[in-house]
């Protein structure tokens, strides 16, 4: 009984928290304009948006970025 509950909860959470984007997808403008606080790193502002690196939105300055998402829970 408990095993079935755990399996069902796992399936529900995997569907609810699945990723929106896959490799090769284009990030929507709504998601590009979301601001995120910079906790550490060498960015010159305290907040960052993906649209800061989009050449069509930032005055023609195309940028390649690499995002490393990590947590120490």
Protein backbone atom coordinates (compact mmCIF):
# COMPACT_ATOMS: atom_id res chain seq x y z
CA UNK A 1 0.00 0.00 0.00
CA UNK A 2 2.67 2.51 0.99
CA UNK A 3 4.79 1.47 -1.98
CA UNK A 4 1.89 2.29 -4.36
CA UNK A 5 1.41 5.69 -2.73
CA UNK A 6 5.10 6.51 -3.10
CA UNK A 7 5.09 5.44 -6.75
CA UNK A 8 1.98 7.51 -7.48
CA UNK A 9 3.41 10.58 -5.76
CA UNK A 10 6.67 10.17 -7.70
CA UNK A 11 4.80 10.01 -11.01
CA UNK A 12 2.72 13.08 -10.15
CA UNK A 13 5.78 15.10 -9.15
CA UNK A 14 7.72 14.06 -12.24
CA UNK A 15 4.89 15.32 -14.45
CA UNK A 16 4.34 18.53 -12.49
CA UNK A 17 7.99 19.50 -12.32
CA UNK A 18 9.13 18.39 -15.76
CA UNK A 19 11.17 20.81 -17.81
CA UNK A 20 9.51 23.29 -20.15
CA UNK A 21 12.33 23.40 -22.68
CA UNK A 22 14.30 20.77 -24.52
CA UNK A 23 17.59 21.02 -26.37
CA UNK A 24 17.24 23.30 -29.40
CA UNK A 25 14.13 25.12 -28.16
CA UNK A 26 13.92 28.92 -28.23
CA UNK A 27 13.31 30.61 -24.87
CA UNK A 28 10.13 32.72 -24.93
CA UNK A 29 10.32 36.49 -24.42
CA UNK A 30 8.34 36.16 -21.19
CA UNK A 31 10.97 33.81 -19.77
CA UNK A 32 13.83 35.94 -21.15
CA UNK A 33 12.55 38.97 -19.24
CA UNK A 34 12.30 37.25 -15.85
CA UNK A 35 14.85 38.70 -13.44
CA UNK A 36 17.04 36.58 -11.20
CA UNK A 37 19.26 37.75 -8.35
CA UNK A 38 22.98 37.15 -8.74
CA UNK A 39 24.29 35.43 -5.61
CA UNK A 40 27.87 35.08 -6.75
CA UNK A 41 29.82 35.61 -9.92
CA UNK A 42 31.26 38.41 -11.99
CA UNK A 43 28.09 40.01 -13.36
CA UNK A 44 28.10 43.79 -13.03
CA UNK A 45 24.48 44.06 -11.82
CA UNK A 46 22.68 42.49 -8.85
CA UNK A 47 19.96 41.08 -11.12
CA UNK A 48 20.25 39.23 -14.41
CA UNK A 49 17.84 38.55 -17.29
CA UNK A 50 18.41 36.28 -20.27
CA UNK A 51 17.26 39.15 -22.50
CA UNK A 52 20.46 41.00 -21.47
CA UNK A 53 22.31 38.56 -23.77
CA UNK A 54 19.83 38.53 -26.68
CA UNK A 55 21.23 40.57 -29.59
CA UNK A 56 17.75 41.41 -30.87
CA UNK A 57 16.81 42.99 -27.55
CA UNK A 58 20.03 44.56 -26.25
CA UNK A 59 21.15 46.69 -29.19
CA UNK A 60 22.86 44.05 -31.32
CA UNK A 61 25.39 42.68 -28.81
CA UNK A 62 25.08 38.92 -29.33
CA UNK A 63 26.52 36.90 -26.48
CA UNK A 64 27.09 33.21 -25.87
CA UNK A 65 26.49 32.23 -22.25
CA UNK A 66 26.92 29.07 -20.21
CA UNK A 67 24.67 28.61 -17.20
CA UNK A 68 25.82 26.34 -14.38
CA UNK A 69 22.93 25.62 -12.04
CA UNK A 70 24.01 24.10 -8.75
CA UNK A 71 22.71 23.93 -5.20
CA UNK A 72 24.20 22.78 -1.91
CA UNK A 73 21.16 21.55 -0.02
